[in-house]
Every structure is written in structure tokens, then in C-alpha cells.
Amino acid sequence: MAYAEIKDVKTRSKRIIDNEDGICEALLEDAAIIIDSYNKNASDEAKKLVSCNMVLRAIGDGDTDQVPVGATQGTVSALGYSQTWSMANGSARELYLSKTDKKILGSGQKIKFLSPIEMEG
């Protein structure tokens, strides 16, 4: 079960074209599995936002002359035809949860614990 629809992804990027609908739909389904394995109890809004973010990173911007979505560093050369990109979390065209996605899904929440030493008394 996907948490977002194709129209949700399309409203966030003007570069997604109609012939990518099938790919987009499959990626949304895959993103839902990754999200559920991370935090199934996250809010529906958070799951929708993260699903869209993941798919947009995987599909990319469709322009090979630009920096890939998710790149943190890049190098371009002219006559030597060289391009180098460093990715923050995953690789280009891959579904992954970024640090921001994980925070949106609830990784920044504190977990309560009890110490057996402190319970004595």
C-alpha cells in the first residue's frame, strides 16, 4: 500500500512526465515498504511526504547536465569531460531515507528507559 499517489509526486516536480507513471507507482509501493520497516507508526502526513521525497530522489530531475538530486558535492570539468558527485545518503536513482526523512518519521523522538539500579529503594 503506497502512502502517496502519482499526483502528489507530480505536484512537487514539474519534470515528471506521463510515461514515468508506472515507474513512479512502483517506487511509491517500494517506498512504503522501506518506511514501514523504519517506523510503521509515523503519521500519514509524514509517510506521504517522505514517500514523495524518496521517489523524487530516485527518479531524479531528468536533466543529466545538472547535479543529481541528493548530491552534497560535485565537480565538473570542461574539455576532459569529467563529472564527479558525492552523495549524502544513498546513490542517485536509489530509494533511501535521508536524515531529514528519518526525523520526519520520528527518529528524533526520545525513548524512555528505566535503570534497574534506580528502581531499587
N, C-alpha and C. Protein backbone atom coordinates (compact mmCIF):
# COMPACT_ATOMS: atom_id res chain seq x y z
N MET A 1 0.82 -1.17 0.00
CA MET A 1 0.00 0.00 0.00
C MET A 1 0.88 1.25 0.00
N ALA A 2 0.76 2.06 -1.00
CA ALA A 2 1.53 3.30 -1.09
C ALA A 2 0.90 4.38 -0.21
N TYR A 3 1.74 5.26 0.31
CA TYR A 3 1.26 6.34 1.17
C TYR A 3 1.04 7.64 0.39
N ALA A 4 1.47 7.68 -0.85
CA ALA A 4 1.27 8.85 -1.70
C ALA A 4 0.81 8.37 -3.07
N GLU A 5 0.25 9.28 -3.84
CA GLU A 5 -0.19 8.97 -5.19
C GLU A 5 0.72 9.67 -6.20
N ILE A 6 0.61 9.24 -7.44
CA ILE A 6 1.42 9.83 -8.51
C ILE A 6 1.21 11.34 -8.58
N LYS A 7 -0.03 11.79 -8.40
CA LYS A 7 -0.32 13.23 -8.47
C LYS A 7 0.41 13.99 -7.37
N ASP A 8 0.62 13.36 -6.21
CA ASP A 8 1.35 14.01 -5.12
C ASP A 8 2.82 14.24 -5.51
N VAL A 9 3.38 13.27 -6.19
CA VAL A 9 4.77 13.40 -6.64
C VAL A 9 4.87 14.44 -7.75
N LYS A 10 3.91 14.40 -8.67
CA LYS A 10 3.93 15.33 -9.80
C LYS A 10 3.78 16.78 -9.35
N THR A 11 3.03 17.03 -8.30
CA THR A 11 2.86 18.41 -7.84
C THR A 11 4.15 18.95 -7.21
N ARG A 12 5.07 18.08 -6.86
CA ARG A 12 6.33 18.51 -6.27
C ARG A 12 7.46 18.64 -7.29
N SER A 13 7.23 18.21 -8.51
CA SER A 13 8.26 18.29 -9.54
C SER A 13 7.60 18.48 -10.90
N LYS A 14 8.03 19.48 -11.62
CA LYS A 14 7.48 19.73 -12.95
C LYS A 14 8.17 18.87 -14.01
N ARG A 15 9.18 18.13 -13.63
CA ARG A 15 9.94 17.35 -14.60
C ARG A 15 9.42 15.92 -14.79
N ILE A 16 8.53 15.47 -13.94
CA ILE A 16 7.99 14.11 -14.08
C ILE A 16 6.98 14.11 -15.21
N ILE A 17 7.21 13.23 -16.17
CA ILE A 17 6.36 13.18 -17.36
C ILE A 17 5.44 11.96 -17.29
N ASP A 18 4.43 11.94 -18.15
CA ASP A 18 3.40 10.91 -18.10
C ASP A 18 3.94 9.49 -18.30
N ASN A 19 4.97 9.32 -19.11
CA ASN A 19 5.46 7.96 -19.35
C ASN A 19 6.23 7.41 -18.14
N GLU A 20 6.40 8.19 -17.08
CA GLU A 20 7.05 7.71 -15.87
C GLU A 20 6.05 7.31 -14.79
N ASP A 21 4.77 7.32 -15.12
CA ASP A 21 3.73 6.98 -14.14
C ASP A 21 3.90 5.57 -13.59
N GLY A 22 4.19 4.61 -14.43
CA GLY A 22 4.36 3.23 -13.98
C GLY A 22 5.55 3.08 -13.05
N ILE A 23 6.64 3.72 -13.40
CA ILE A 23 7.84 3.69 -12.55
C ILE A 23 7.54 4.37 -11.22
N CYS A 24 6.89 5.51 -11.30
CA CYS A 24 6.55 6.28 -10.10
C CYS A 24 5.66 5.46 -9.16
N GLU A 25 4.67 4.80 -9.70
CA GLU A 25 3.76 3.98 -8.90
C GLU A 25 4.50 2.84 -8.21
N ALA A 26 5.38 2.16 -8.94
CA ALA A 26 6.16 1.06 -8.37
C ALA A 26 7.09 1.57 -7.27
N LEU A 27 7.71 2.72 -7.50
CA LEU A 27 8.61 3.29 -6.49
C LEU A 27 7.85 3.71 -5.23
N LEU A 28 6.63 4.22 -5.40
CA LEU A 28 5.82 4.58 -4.24
C LEU A 28 5.49 3.35 -3.39
N GLU A 29 5.21 2.24 -4.04
CA GLU A 29 4.95 0.99 -3.32
C GLU A 29 6.21 0.53 -2.57
N ASP A 30 7.36 0.60 -3.24
CA ASP A 30 8.62 0.22 -2.60
C ASP A 30 8.97 1.15 -1.44
N ALA A 31 8.72 2.45 -1.63
CA ALA A 31 8.99 3.42 -0.57
C ALA A 31 8.16 3.11 0.67
N ALA A 32 6.92 2.68 0.48
CA ALA A 32 6.05 2.34 1.61
C ALA A 32 6.64 1.19 2.43
N ILE A 33 7.23 0.23 1.76
CA ILE A 33 7.84 -0.91 2.47
C ILE A 33 9.03 -0.42 3.30
N ILE A 34 9.85 0.44 2.72
CA ILE A 34 11.01 0.98 3.44
C ILE A 34 10.56 1.81 4.63
N ILE A 35 9.54 2.64 4.43
CA ILE A 35 9.01 3.48 5.50
C ILE A 35 8.45 2.62 6.64
N ASP A 36 7.68 1.59 6.30
CA ASP A 36 7.11 0.71 7.32
C ASP A 36 8.19 -0.02 8.11
N SER A 37 9.28 -0.38 7.44
CA SER A 37 10.35 -1.08 8.16
C SER A 37 11.08 -0.13 9.10
N TYR A 38 11.01 1.17 8.82
CA TYR A 38 11.66 2.15 9.69
C TYR A 38 10.75 2.57 10.84
N ASN A 39 9.52 2.97 10.54
CA ASN A 39 8.57 3.37 11.58
C ASN A 39 7.14 3.28 11.04
N LYS A 40 6.52 2.17 11.28
CA LYS A 40 5.16 1.94 10.79
C LYS A 40 4.14 2.85 11.48
N ASN A 41 4.48 3.37 12.65
CA ASN A 41 3.54 4.18 13.43
C ASN A 41 3.64 5.68 13.15
N ALA A 42 4.42 6.08 12.18
CA ALA A 42 4.52 7.50 11.82
C ALA A 42 3.16 7.99 11.30
N SER A 43 2.96 9.29 11.33
CA SER A 43 1.68 9.85 10.86
C SER A 43 1.54 9.67 9.35
N ASP A 44 0.30 9.68 8.89
CA ASP A 44 0.03 9.53 7.46
C ASP A 44 0.66 10.67 6.65
N GLU A 45 0.63 11.89 7.21
CA GLU A 45 1.21 13.04 6.53
C GLU A 45 2.72 12.87 6.37
N ALA A 46 3.37 12.37 7.43
CA ALA A 46 4.81 12.15 7.38
C ALA A 46 5.16 11.08 6.34
N LYS A 47 4.38 10.01 6.32
CA LYS A 47 4.63 8.93 5.35
C LYS A 47 4.44 9.41 3.92
N LYS A 48 3.45 10.26 3.70
CA LYS A 48 3.20 10.80 2.36
C LYS A 48 4.36 11.69 1.91
N LEU A 49 4.80 12.59 2.78
CA LEU A 49 5.90 13.49 2.45
C LEU A 49 7.18 12.73 2.17
N VAL A 50 7.51 11.79 3.02
CA VAL A 50 8.74 11.01 2.85
C VAL A 50 8.66 10.15 1.59
N SER A 51 7.51 9.59 1.30
CA SER A 51 7.34 8.80 0.07
C SER A 51 7.65 9.65 -1.15
N CYS A 52 7.10 10.85 -1.19
CA CYS A 52 7.35 11.76 -2.32
C CYS A 52 8.83 12.12 -2.41
N ASN A 53 9.44 12.44 -1.27
CA ASN A 53 10.87 12.76 -1.27
C ASN A 53 11.71 11.62 -1.83
N MET A 54 11.41 10.40 -1.40
CA MET A 54 12.18 9.24 -1.83
C MET A 54 12.05 9.02 -3.34
N VAL A 55 10.84 9.12 -3.85
CA VAL A 55 10.59 8.88 -5.28
C VAL A 55 11.26 9.97 -6.12
N LEU A 56 11.16 11.22 -5.69
CA LEU A 56 11.79 12.30 -6.44
C LEU A 56 13.31 12.12 -6.50
N ARG A 57 13.91 11.65 -5.42
CA ARG A 57 15.36 11.39 -5.44
C ARG A 57 15.68 10.24 -6.40
N ALA A 58 14.83 9.21 -6.39
CA ALA A 58 15.09 8.04 -7.23
C ALA A 58 14.90 8.34 -8.71
N ILE A 59 13.86 9.09 -9.04
CA ILE A 59 13.61 9.43 -10.44
C ILE A 59 14.60 10.46 -10.94
N GLY A 60 15.01 11.37 -10.05
CA GLY A 60 15.95 12.41 -10.44
C GLY A 60 15.23 13.55 -11.11
N ASP A 61 16.00 14.49 -11.56
CA ASP A 61 15.41 15.68 -12.17
C ASP A 61 15.26 15.55 -13.68
N GLY A 62 15.74 14.46 -14.24
CA GLY A 62 15.59 14.25 -15.68
C GLY A 62 16.57 15.03 -16.53
N ASP A 63 17.47 15.76 -15.92
CA ASP A 63 18.43 16.59 -16.65
C ASP A 63 19.83 16.13 -16.28
N THR A 64 20.51 15.46 -17.17
CA THR A 64 21.83 14.90 -16.87
C THR A 64 22.92 15.96 -16.78
N ASP A 65 22.64 17.18 -17.20
CA ASP A 65 23.64 18.24 -17.13
C ASP A 65 23.68 18.89 -15.74
N GLN A 66 22.74 18.58 -14.90
CA GLN A 66 22.64 19.19 -13.59
C GLN A 66 23.15 18.24 -12.51
N VAL A 67 23.26 18.77 -11.30
CA VAL A 67 23.67 17.97 -10.15
C VAL A 67 22.57 16.98 -9.81
N PRO A 68 22.91 15.70 -9.57
CA PRO A 68 21.88 14.72 -9.20
C PRO A 68 21.21 15.10 -7.89
N VAL A 69 19.92 14.79 -7.76
CA VAL A 69 19.18 15.05 -6.54
C VAL A 69 19.83 14.26 -5.41
N GLY A 70 20.13 14.92 -4.30
CA GLY A 70 20.75 14.26 -3.15
C GLY A 70 22.25 14.39 -3.09
N ALA A 71 22.87 15.00 -4.11
CA ALA A 71 24.33 15.17 -4.11
C ALA A 71 24.72 16.26 -3.13
N THR A 72 25.83 16.04 -2.42
CA THR A 72 26.32 17.03 -1.48
C THR A 72 27.52 17.79 -2.02
N GLN A 73 28.25 17.17 -2.94
CA GLN A 73 29.42 17.79 -3.54
C GLN A 73 29.47 17.41 -5.01
N GLY A 74 30.07 18.27 -5.81
CA GLY A 74 30.18 17.95 -7.23
C GLY A 74 31.36 18.64 -7.87
N THR A 75 31.86 18.05 -8.94
CA THR A 75 32.94 18.62 -9.72
C THR A 75 32.58 18.45 -11.19
N VAL A 76 32.80 19.50 -11.96
CA VAL A 76 32.57 19.44 -13.41
C VAL A 76 33.82 19.96 -14.09
N SER A 77 34.26 19.27 -15.12
CA SER A 77 35.38 19.74 -15.93
C SER A 77 34.89 19.94 -17.35
N ALA A 78 35.62 20.71 -18.12
CA ALA A 78 35.14 21.05 -19.46
C ALA A 78 35.71 20.13 -20.53
N LEU A 79 36.93 20.33 -20.94
CA LEU A 79 37.45 19.60 -22.08
C LEU A 79 37.84 18.16 -21.76
N GLY A 80 38.03 17.86 -20.51
CA GLY A 80 38.34 16.49 -20.11
C GLY A 80 37.11 15.64 -19.91
N TYR A 81 35.92 16.22 -20.06
CA TYR A 81 34.64 15.52 -19.91
C TYR A 81 34.58 14.73 -18.61
N SER A 82 34.71 15.40 -17.50
CA SER A 82 34.72 14.75 -16.21
C SER A 82 33.63 15.31 -15.31
N GLN A 83 32.90 14.45 -14.63
CA GLN A 83 31.93 14.84 -13.62
C GLN A 83 32.08 13.92 -12.42
N THR A 84 32.08 14.48 -11.23
CA THR A 84 32.19 13.70 -10.01
C THR A 84 31.17 14.21 -9.02
N TRP A 85 30.41 13.31 -8.41
CA TRP A 85 29.40 13.71 -7.43
C TRP A 85 29.54 12.86 -6.18
N SER A 86 29.36 13.48 -5.03
CA SER A 86 29.33 12.76 -3.76
C SER A 86 27.90 12.80 -3.23
N MET A 87 27.41 11.65 -2.87
CA MET A 87 26.04 11.55 -2.39
C MET A 87 26.03 11.48 -0.87
N ALA A 88 25.04 12.10 -0.25
CA ALA A 88 24.95 12.18 1.20
C ALA A 88 24.56 10.85 1.83
N ASN A 89 23.52 10.21 1.33
CA ASN A 89 22.98 9.02 2.00
C ASN A 89 23.00 7.78 1.12
N GLY A 90 22.39 7.86 -0.02
CA GLY A 90 22.34 6.73 -0.94
C GLY A 90 22.98 7.16 -2.23
N SER A 91 22.72 6.42 -3.27
CA SER A 91 23.25 6.81 -4.56
C SER A 91 22.12 7.37 -5.42
N ALA A 92 22.49 8.01 -6.50
CA ALA A 92 21.48 8.57 -7.40
C ALA A 92 20.61 7.43 -7.94
N ARG A 93 19.35 7.70 -8.11
CA ARG A 93 18.37 6.75 -8.64
C ARG A 93 18.09 5.59 -7.69
N GLU A 94 18.31 5.80 -6.39
CA GLU A 94 18.08 4.76 -5.40
C GLU A 94 17.07 5.26 -4.37
N LEU A 95 16.20 4.37 -3.91
CA LEU A 95 15.28 4.72 -2.82
C LEU A 95 16.02 4.60 -1.50
N TYR A 96 16.03 5.69 -0.73
CA TYR A 96 16.65 5.66 0.58
C TYR A 96 16.01 6.73 1.46
N LEU A 97 16.18 6.56 2.76
CA LEU A 97 15.70 7.55 3.73
C LEU A 97 16.85 8.48 4.07
N SER A 98 16.65 9.76 3.86
CA SER A 98 17.67 10.74 4.24
C SER A 98 17.56 11.00 5.75
N LYS A 99 18.52 11.75 6.29
CA LYS A 99 18.46 12.10 7.71
C LYS A 99 17.19 12.88 8.01
N THR A 100 16.83 13.79 7.12
CA THR A 100 15.61 14.57 7.30
C THR A 100 14.39 13.67 7.27
N ASP A 101 14.35 12.72 6.32
CA ASP A 101 13.23 11.78 6.25
C ASP A 101 13.08 11.01 7.56
N LYS A 102 14.19 10.56 8.11
CA LYS A 102 14.15 9.79 9.35
C LYS A 102 13.62 10.64 10.50
N LYS A 103 14.00 11.91 10.53
CA LYS A 103 13.47 12.80 11.57
C LYS A 103 11.97 13.01 11.40
N ILE A 104 11.54 13.17 10.16
CA ILE A 104 10.11 13.34 9.87
C ILE A 104 9.32 12.11 10.33
N LEU A 105 9.91 10.93 10.14
CA LEU A 105 9.24 9.69 10.52
C LEU A 105 9.33 9.39 12.01
N GLY A 106 10.11 10.20 12.74
CA GLY A 106 10.11 10.04 14.19
C GLY A 106 11.39 9.54 14.81
N SER A 107 12.52 9.59 14.14
CA SER A 107 13.74 9.08 14.75
C SER A 107 14.28 10.02 15.82
N GLY A 108 13.86 11.28 15.82
CA GLY A 108 14.36 12.24 16.78
C GLY A 108 13.64 12.18 18.12
N GLN A 109 12.64 11.33 18.22
CA GLN A 109 11.90 11.22 19.46
C GLN A 109 12.70 10.46 20.51
N LYS A 110 12.56 10.88 21.75
CA LYS A 110 13.30 10.23 22.82
C LYS A 110 12.60 8.95 23.25
N ILE A 111 13.41 7.99 23.63
CA ILE A 111 12.90 6.72 24.11
C ILE A 111 13.08 6.69 25.63
N LYS A 112 12.05 6.31 26.33
CA LYS A 112 12.11 6.26 27.78
C LYS A 112 12.66 4.90 28.20
N PHE A 113 13.52 4.93 29.24
CA PHE A 113 14.04 3.68 29.75
C PHE A 113 14.15 3.75 31.26
N LEU A 114 14.20 2.61 31.89
CA LEU A 114 14.35 2.51 33.33
C LEU A 114 15.62 1.73 33.64
N SER A 115 16.34 2.20 34.63
CA SER A 115 17.54 1.52 35.06
C SER A 115 17.21 0.64 36.27
N PRO A 116 17.62 -0.62 36.27
CA PRO A 116 17.34 -1.48 37.42
C PRO A 116 17.98 -0.97 38.71
N ILE A 117 19.08 -0.25 38.58
CA ILE A 117 19.75 0.29 39.76
C ILE A 117 18.90 1.37 40.40
N GLU A 118 18.31 2.22 39.55
CA GLU A 118 17.50 3.31 40.06
C GLU A 118 16.15 2.83 40.59
N MET A 119 15.71 1.65 40.19
CA MET A 119 14.41 1.14 40.63
C MET A 119 14.47 0.62 42.07
N GLU A 120 15.65 0.28 42.56
CA GLU A 120 15.78 -0.25 43.92
C GLU A 120 15.53 0.88 44.92
N GLY A 121 14.97 0.58 46.00
CA GLY A 121 14.87 1.62 47.00
C GLY A 121 13.66 1.65 47.76
